[in-house]
Amino acid sequence: MFRLLVCGGRAASVLAMGGHYIGATSFAAIHTKSSARRFRALPAQAPLQNLVAELNRLCPALLIGYASVMALLAAEQDAGRLHIRPVLVLPTSEGLSPDGYDRIARAFHAKVRTIYVATECLFMAIGCEHGWHHVNSDWVILEPVDASYRPVPPGEESHTVLVSNLANRVQPILRYDLGDRILQRPDPCPCGNPLPAIRVRGRAADILTFPTERGEKVAVPSLALEIDHVPGVELFQIVQTAPTQLRVRLHPAADADPNRVWRAVHSELTKLLNEHGLGQVSVELAPEPPVASSAGKYRTVIPLALSA
């Protein structure tokens, strides 16, 4: 709290700006001349060096933004180009591995608390120290369901999740399909928070489908999880460029050997594919690094339908 006061309570967000993105509309709603001195909304689509320069000027105590962008900023902090001392970092929207969040905490010497948000409903859940997100159930209703929209019991991973929120009187949200796969904890969370505890396991669209040599189709949902635990990976994207072809875009950590990282990633992916009888699927290293979407996010898995 003392550091928060020393920094003047300044905050910065790095989210998609422009258009109808929630970051843009929320900023417009709270922006005043007085708030402009304490709060800065930066576009996630901006070049990284521009974000670094703006953050160095502001020196925020609170930093909010897409998890993938926070990971890039943490690397800039480690490299000595970014030199800020936030008290609290709130990564949003995308999931990193536990090591990824730990790297952010170490780089900024700050507490990291993840928040689960969506354009359709802000602040659906906030993370705890045990790696779970506690649903703001007085604000939002989350319904884990299977592919046929039938309820999924706690302890079983859902195909997607439906969200309902009546706080927005202009456009109430009723059972909207977010496309996120979640797991609801069946027992009380050891952190002591009584609110429902969930983990976001990825998006339904992250499940890739491949043809086998016999013409059957096999769905593989956990490719990204295989890379999450590989040491030295800062960011990555798995792109399905053909029915039996994958290209991996890698951004290794600054202190990692890129060749060693790629060999480990290739080994993990081919091992999983072979376990599913998909030895004919090729895995190549892309020459380009991970590419952000127009909103500034980095999708970890890009299926064939979206890679064209």
Protein backbone atom coordinates (compact mmCIF):
# COMPACT_ATOMS: atom_id res chain seq x y z
CA MET A 1 0.00 0.00 0.00
CA PHE A 2 2.90 2.37 0.80
CA ARG A 3 4.36 1.83 -2.66
CA LEU A 4 0.94 2.50 -4.14
CA LEU A 5 0.83 5.88 -2.39
CA VAL A 6 4.41 6.71 -3.34
CA CYS A 7 3.51 6.14 -6.99
CA GLY A 8 0.57 8.52 -6.63
CA GLY A 9 -1.98 5.78 -7.22
CA ARG A 10 -1.14 5.84 -10.93
CA ALA A 11 -2.49 3.02 -13.08
CA ALA A 12 -2.01 1.90 -16.67
CA SER A 13 -3.96 -0.53 -18.80
CA VAL A 14 -2.69 -2.18 -21.98
CA LEU A 15 -5.80 -3.34 -23.81
CA ALA A 16 -7.38 -3.11 -27.25
CA MET A 17 -8.35 0.47 -28.02
CA GLY A 18 -10.59 1.85 -30.75
CA GLY A 19 -13.83 0.46 -32.10
CA HIS A 20 -16.17 -1.30 -29.67
CA TYR A 21 -13.56 -3.08 -27.57
CA ILE A 22 -14.36 -3.02 -23.87
CA GLY A 23 -11.02 -1.36 -23.10
CA ALA A 24 -11.91 1.59 -25.30
CA THR A 25 -15.47 2.02 -24.05
CA SER A 26 -14.49 1.65 -20.38
CA PHE A 27 -11.74 4.24 -20.77
CA ALA A 28 -14.13 6.68 -22.42
CA ALA A 29 -16.57 6.25 -19.54
CA ILE A 30 -14.07 7.12 -16.80
CA HIS A 31 -11.81 9.57 -18.62
CA THR A 32 -11.69 13.06 -17.14
CA LYS A 33 -8.97 15.70 -16.94
CA SER A 34 -8.19 14.74 -13.36
CA SER A 35 -8.17 11.00 -14.05
CA ALA A 36 -5.86 11.48 -17.05
CA ARG A 37 -3.01 12.35 -14.66
CA ARG A 38 -3.46 9.10 -12.73
CA PHE A 39 -4.70 6.63 -15.32
CA ARG A 40 -3.39 5.91 -18.79
CA ALA A 41 -4.99 3.52 -21.28
CA LEU A 42 -2.43 2.29 -23.80
CA PRO A 43 -3.31 0.40 -26.99
CA ALA A 44 -2.12 -3.20 -26.96
CA GLN A 45 -1.73 -2.92 -30.73
CA ALA A 46 1.05 -0.31 -30.34
CA PRO A 47 4.70 -1.22 -31.04
CA LEU A 48 6.37 -2.66 -27.96
CA GLN A 49 8.98 0.10 -27.78
CA ASN A 50 6.19 2.70 -27.66
CA LEU A 51 4.51 0.92 -24.76
CA VAL A 52 7.82 0.76 -22.91
CA ALA A 53 8.42 4.50 -23.37
CA GLU A 54 4.92 5.44 -22.18
CA LEU A 55 5.09 3.17 -19.14
CA ASN A 56 8.50 4.52 -18.19
CA ARG A 57 7.05 8.03 -18.26
CA LEU A 58 4.00 7.11 -16.18
CA CYS A 59 5.65 4.63 -13.76
CA PRO A 60 2.32 3.07 -12.73
CA ALA A 61 1.65 1.41 -9.38
CA LEU A 62 -1.08 -0.74 -10.95
CA LEU A 63 -0.60 -2.44 -14.33
CA ILE A 64 -3.49 -4.14 -16.13
CA GLY A 65 -3.38 -5.84 -19.52
CA TYR A 66 -3.50 -8.93 -21.68
CA ALA A 67 -1.40 -11.71 -20.17
CA SER A 68 0.67 -12.15 -23.33
CA VAL A 69 1.51 -8.44 -23.40
CA MET A 70 2.40 -8.54 -19.68
CA ALA A 71 4.82 -11.38 -20.50
CA LEU A 72 6.48 -9.26 -23.20
CA LEU A 73 6.73 -6.28 -20.84
CA ALA A 74 8.25 -8.52 -18.16
CA ALA A 75 10.94 -9.51 -20.67
CA GLU A 76 11.56 -5.81 -21.39
CA GLN A 77 11.90 -5.20 -17.64
CA ASP A 78 14.43 -8.03 -17.34
CA ALA A 79 16.35 -6.61 -20.31
CA GLY A 80 16.60 -3.21 -18.60
CA ARG A 81 14.62 -1.27 -21.20
CA LEU A 82 11.53 -1.01 -18.99
CA HIS A 83 12.09 0.19 -15.43
CA ILE A 84 8.83 0.46 -13.53
CA ARG A 85 7.86 -0.78 -10.05
CA PRO A 86 4.17 -1.68 -10.00
CA VAL A 87 2.68 -2.87 -6.73
CA LEU A 88 0.11 -5.06 -8.46
CA VAL A 89 -0.05 -6.60 -11.94
CA LEU A 90 -3.43 -7.83 -13.20
CA PRO A 91 -3.10 -10.00 -16.34
CA THR A 92 -6.40 -10.49 -18.14
CA SER A 93 -8.10 -12.52 -20.84
CA GLU A 94 -5.47 -15.07 -21.83
CA GLY A 95 -3.96 -17.93 -19.87
CA LEU A 96 -0.23 -18.33 -19.33
CA SER A 97 1.52 -21.24 -17.69
CA PRO A 98 2.28 -20.94 -13.95
CA ASP A 99 5.92 -20.31 -14.92
CA GLY A 100 4.75 -17.45 -17.14
CA TYR A 101 2.96 -15.73 -14.27
CA ASP A 102 5.94 -16.37 -11.98
CA ARG A 103 8.25 -14.66 -14.49
CA ILE A 104 5.99 -11.59 -14.48
CA ALA A 105 6.01 -11.49 -10.67
CA ARG A 106 9.81 -11.83 -10.53
CA ALA A 107 10.45 -9.24 -13.23
CA PHE A 108 8.35 -6.55 -11.55
CA HIS A 109 8.85 -7.68 -7.92
CA ALA A 110 5.08 -7.32 -7.67
CA LYS A 111 2.04 -9.28 -6.66
CA VAL A 112 0.25 -10.86 -9.65
CA ARG A 113 -3.48 -11.52 -9.57
CA THR A 114 -5.16 -12.77 -12.74
CA ILE A 115 -8.66 -11.63 -13.63
CA TYR A 116 -11.17 -13.36 -15.90
CA VAL A 117 -12.91 -10.81 -18.08
CA ALA A 118 -14.74 -10.64 -21.40
CA THR A 119 -16.19 -7.90 -23.55
CA GLU A 120 -19.63 -9.30 -22.73
CA CYS A 121 -19.03 -9.03 -18.97
CA LEU A 122 -16.18 -7.41 -17.07
CA PHE A 123 -14.58 -8.86 -13.94
CA MET A 124 -16.24 -12.26 -13.94
CA ALA A 125 -13.66 -13.77 -11.59
CA ILE A 126 -10.38 -12.96 -9.84
CA GLY A 127 -7.49 -15.30 -9.18
CA CYS A 128 -6.26 -16.49 -5.79
CA GLU A 129 -2.84 -17.65 -4.60
CA HIS A 130 -3.80 -21.29 -5.21
CA GLY A 131 -4.28 -20.83 -8.96
CA TRP A 132 -8.08 -20.73 -9.03
CA HIS A 133 -10.43 -17.96 -10.18
CA HIS A 134 -13.29 -17.12 -7.83
CA VAL A 135 -16.48 -16.16 -9.64
CA ASN A 136 -18.16 -12.89 -8.67
CA SER A 137 -21.43 -14.78 -8.36
CA ASP A 138 -23.35 -11.75 -7.10
CA TRP A 139 -22.50 -10.09 -10.42
CA VAL A 140 -22.41 -12.88 -12.98
CA ILE A 141 -23.70 -16.43 -13.55
CA LEU A 142 -21.35 -18.88 -15.27
CA GLU A 143 -22.76 -22.21 -16.47
CA PRO A 144 -20.25 -24.89 -17.55
CA VAL A 145 -21.88 -27.00 -20.29
CA ASP A 146 -20.98 -29.78 -22.72
CA ALA A 147 -21.13 -29.61 -26.52
CA SER A 148 -24.92 -30.11 -26.37
CA TYR A 149 -25.30 -27.30 -23.80
CA ARG A 150 -26.10 -29.71 -20.98
CA PRO A 151 -24.77 -28.83 -17.49
CA VAL A 152 -21.36 -30.22 -16.60
CA PRO A 153 -20.81 -31.16 -12.92
CA PRO A 154 -17.97 -29.69 -10.83
CA GLY A 155 -14.72 -31.56 -11.35
CA GLU A 156 -15.38 -32.18 -15.06
CA GLU A 157 -14.00 -29.93 -17.80
CA SER A 158 -16.69 -28.19 -19.85
CA HIS A 159 -16.87 -27.81 -23.61
CA THR A 160 -17.83 -24.16 -23.19
CA VAL A 161 -19.40 -21.83 -20.65
CA LEU A 162 -22.54 -19.69 -20.75
CA VAL A 163 -22.52 -16.27 -19.11
CA SER A 164 -25.47 -14.25 -17.81
CA ASN A 165 -25.18 -10.70 -16.51
CA LEU A 166 -27.99 -8.21 -15.92
CA ALA A 167 -25.86 -5.25 -14.80
CA ASN A 168 -25.76 -3.76 -18.30
CA ARG A 169 -29.24 -2.28 -18.62
CA VAL A 170 -28.62 -1.28 -22.23
CA GLN A 171 -27.87 -4.86 -23.30
CA PRO A 172 -28.44 -7.58 -20.67
CA ILE A 173 -26.51 -10.79 -21.35
CA LEU A 174 -28.42 -14.07 -21.01
CA ARG A 175 -26.65 -17.43 -21.42
CA TYR A 176 -24.16 -16.15 -23.97
CA ASP A 177 -21.67 -18.77 -25.21
CA LEU A 178 -18.18 -17.47 -24.36
CA GLY A 179 -16.40 -20.39 -26.03
CA ASP A 180 -14.11 -20.95 -23.02
CA ARG A 181 -13.49 -24.39 -21.53
CA ILE A 182 -13.55 -24.23 -17.74
CA LEU A 183 -13.18 -26.58 -14.79
CA GLN A 184 -15.18 -25.87 -11.62
CA ARG A 185 -13.62 -26.99 -8.36
CA PRO A 186 -15.80 -29.61 -6.60
CA ASP A 187 -14.51 -28.85 -3.08
CA PRO A 188 -13.80 -25.65 -1.10
CA CYS A 189 -10.71 -23.73 -2.19
CA PRO A 190 -7.92 -23.78 0.42
CA CYS A 191 -7.59 -19.99 0.13
CA GLY A 192 -10.81 -19.69 2.15
CA ASN A 193 -12.80 -17.73 -0.44
CA PRO A 194 -16.32 -19.25 -0.41
CA LEU A 195 -17.19 -18.12 -3.95
CA PRO A 196 -17.22 -20.77 -6.72
CA ALA A 197 -13.70 -21.59 -7.91
CA ILE A 198 -12.92 -22.24 -11.59
CA ARG A 199 -9.95 -22.66 -13.89
CA VAL A 200 -10.06 -21.50 -17.49
CA ARG A 201 -8.57 -24.36 -19.51
CA GLY A 202 -8.64 -22.74 -22.96
CA ARG A 203 -11.07 -22.04 -25.74
CA ALA A 204 -13.29 -24.53 -27.53
CA ALA A 205 -11.73 -23.20 -30.76
CA ASP A 206 -8.30 -24.31 -29.47
CA ILE A 207 -9.16 -27.96 -30.15
CA LEU A 208 -7.47 -29.02 -33.39
CA THR A 209 -8.79 -31.86 -35.55
CA PHE A 210 -6.58 -34.04 -37.76
CA PRO A 211 -7.33 -36.88 -40.20
CA THR A 212 -5.69 -40.22 -39.45
CA GLU A 213 -4.12 -42.39 -42.14
CA ARG A 214 -7.37 -44.42 -42.12
CA GLY A 215 -9.46 -41.34 -42.85
CA GLU A 216 -10.86 -40.95 -39.33
CA LYS A 217 -10.84 -37.61 -37.53
CA VAL A 218 -9.11 -37.14 -34.18
CA ALA A 219 -9.52 -34.06 -31.97
CA VAL A 220 -6.51 -33.01 -29.87
CA PRO A 221 -7.37 -30.35 -27.25
CA SER A 222 -4.17 -30.09 -25.22
CA LEU A 223 -1.40 -29.11 -27.63
CA ALA A 224 -0.85 -25.75 -25.93
CA LEU A 225 -0.53 -27.45 -22.54
CA GLU A 226 2.41 -29.46 -23.88
CA ILE A 227 4.36 -26.26 -24.54
CA ASP A 228 3.30 -24.46 -21.35
CA HIS A 229 5.78 -26.37 -19.19
CA VAL A 230 8.75 -26.21 -21.60
CA PRO A 231 11.47 -24.04 -19.98
CA GLY A 232 12.54 -20.97 -21.92
CA VAL A 233 9.29 -20.32 -23.81
CA GLU A 234 8.13 -16.71 -23.49
CA LEU A 235 5.29 -16.77 -26.04
CA PHE A 236 4.15 -19.26 -28.65
CA GLN A 237 1.50 -19.90 -31.28
CA ILE A 238 0.52 -23.24 -32.78
CA VAL A 239 -0.84 -22.65 -36.28
CA GLN A 240 -2.56 -25.39 -38.28
CA THR A 241 -1.64 -24.52 -41.87
CA ALA A 242 -2.92 -27.74 -43.49
CA PRO A 243 -4.95 -30.77 -42.35
CA THR A 244 -1.74 -32.57 -41.32
CA GLN A 245 0.67 -29.68 -40.83
CA LEU A 246 1.51 -27.49 -37.84
CA ARG A 247 3.78 -24.46 -37.68
CA VAL A 248 4.98 -23.20 -34.32
CA ARG A 249 5.78 -19.53 -33.80
CA LEU A 250 8.18 -19.18 -30.88
CA HIS A 251 9.39 -16.25 -28.80
CA PRO A 252 12.05 -17.74 -26.49
CA ALA A 253 13.02 -16.09 -23.22
CA ALA A 254 15.99 -13.74 -23.45
CA ASP A 255 18.25 -16.08 -21.45
CA ALA A 256 17.21 -19.26 -23.28
CA ASP A 257 18.95 -21.14 -26.11
CA PRO A 258 16.45 -20.91 -29.03
CA ASN A 259 17.64 -24.17 -30.59
CA ARG A 260 17.32 -26.08 -27.34
CA VAL A 261 13.86 -24.60 -26.72
CA TRP A 262 12.68 -25.60 -30.19
CA ARG A 263 13.98 -29.16 -29.81
CA ALA A 264 12.08 -29.50 -26.53
CA VAL A 265 8.88 -28.05 -28.02
CA HIS A 266 9.12 -30.28 -31.10
CA SER A 267 9.68 -33.34 -28.93
CA GLU A 268 6.65 -32.64 -26.72
CA LEU A 269 4.30 -31.98 -29.64
CA THR A 270 5.35 -34.98 -31.72
CA LYS A 271 5.12 -37.23 -28.66
CA LEU A 272 1.52 -36.17 -28.02
CA LEU A 273 0.56 -36.51 -31.69
CA ASN A 274 2.06 -40.00 -31.84
CA GLU A 275 0.09 -40.99 -28.74
CA HIS A 276 -3.07 -40.05 -30.68
CA GLY A 277 -2.01 -42.06 -33.74
CA LEU A 278 -1.12 -38.91 -35.67
CA GLY A 279 2.49 -39.61 -36.57
CA GLN A 280 1.88 -38.29 -40.09
CA VAL A 281 1.31 -34.72 -38.81
CA SER A 282 4.39 -32.58 -39.46
CA VAL A 283 5.55 -29.98 -36.93
CA GLU A 284 7.69 -27.12 -38.27
CA LEU A 285 9.28 -24.04 -36.74
CA ALA A 286 7.89 -20.86 -38.28
CA PRO A 287 10.43 -18.17 -39.20
CA GLU A 288 8.17 -15.43 -37.84
CA PRO A 289 7.47 -14.77 -34.13
CA PRO A 290 3.96 -14.94 -32.60
CA VAL A 291 1.58 -12.49 -34.26
CA ALA A 292 -0.96 -10.42 -32.35
CA SER A 293 -4.55 -10.10 -33.48
CA SER A 294 -6.09 -6.74 -34.36
CA ALA A 295 -7.09 -6.46 -30.69
CA GLY A 296 -3.49 -6.92 -29.54
CA LYS A 297 -4.00 -10.45 -28.18
CA TYR A 298 -1.78 -13.45 -28.88
CA ARG A 299 -3.82 -16.59 -29.51
CA THR A 300 -1.89 -19.72 -28.54
CA VAL A 301 -3.74 -21.99 -30.99
CA ILE A 302 -4.92 -21.00 -34.47
CA PRO A 303 -7.00 -23.69 -36.20
CA LEU A 304 -6.97 -24.28 -39.95
CA ALA A 305 -10.18 -22.32 -40.48
CA LEU A 306 -8.54 -19.16 -39.08
CA SER A 307 -5.01 -19.52 -40.43
CA ALA A 308 -5.68 -18.55 -44.03
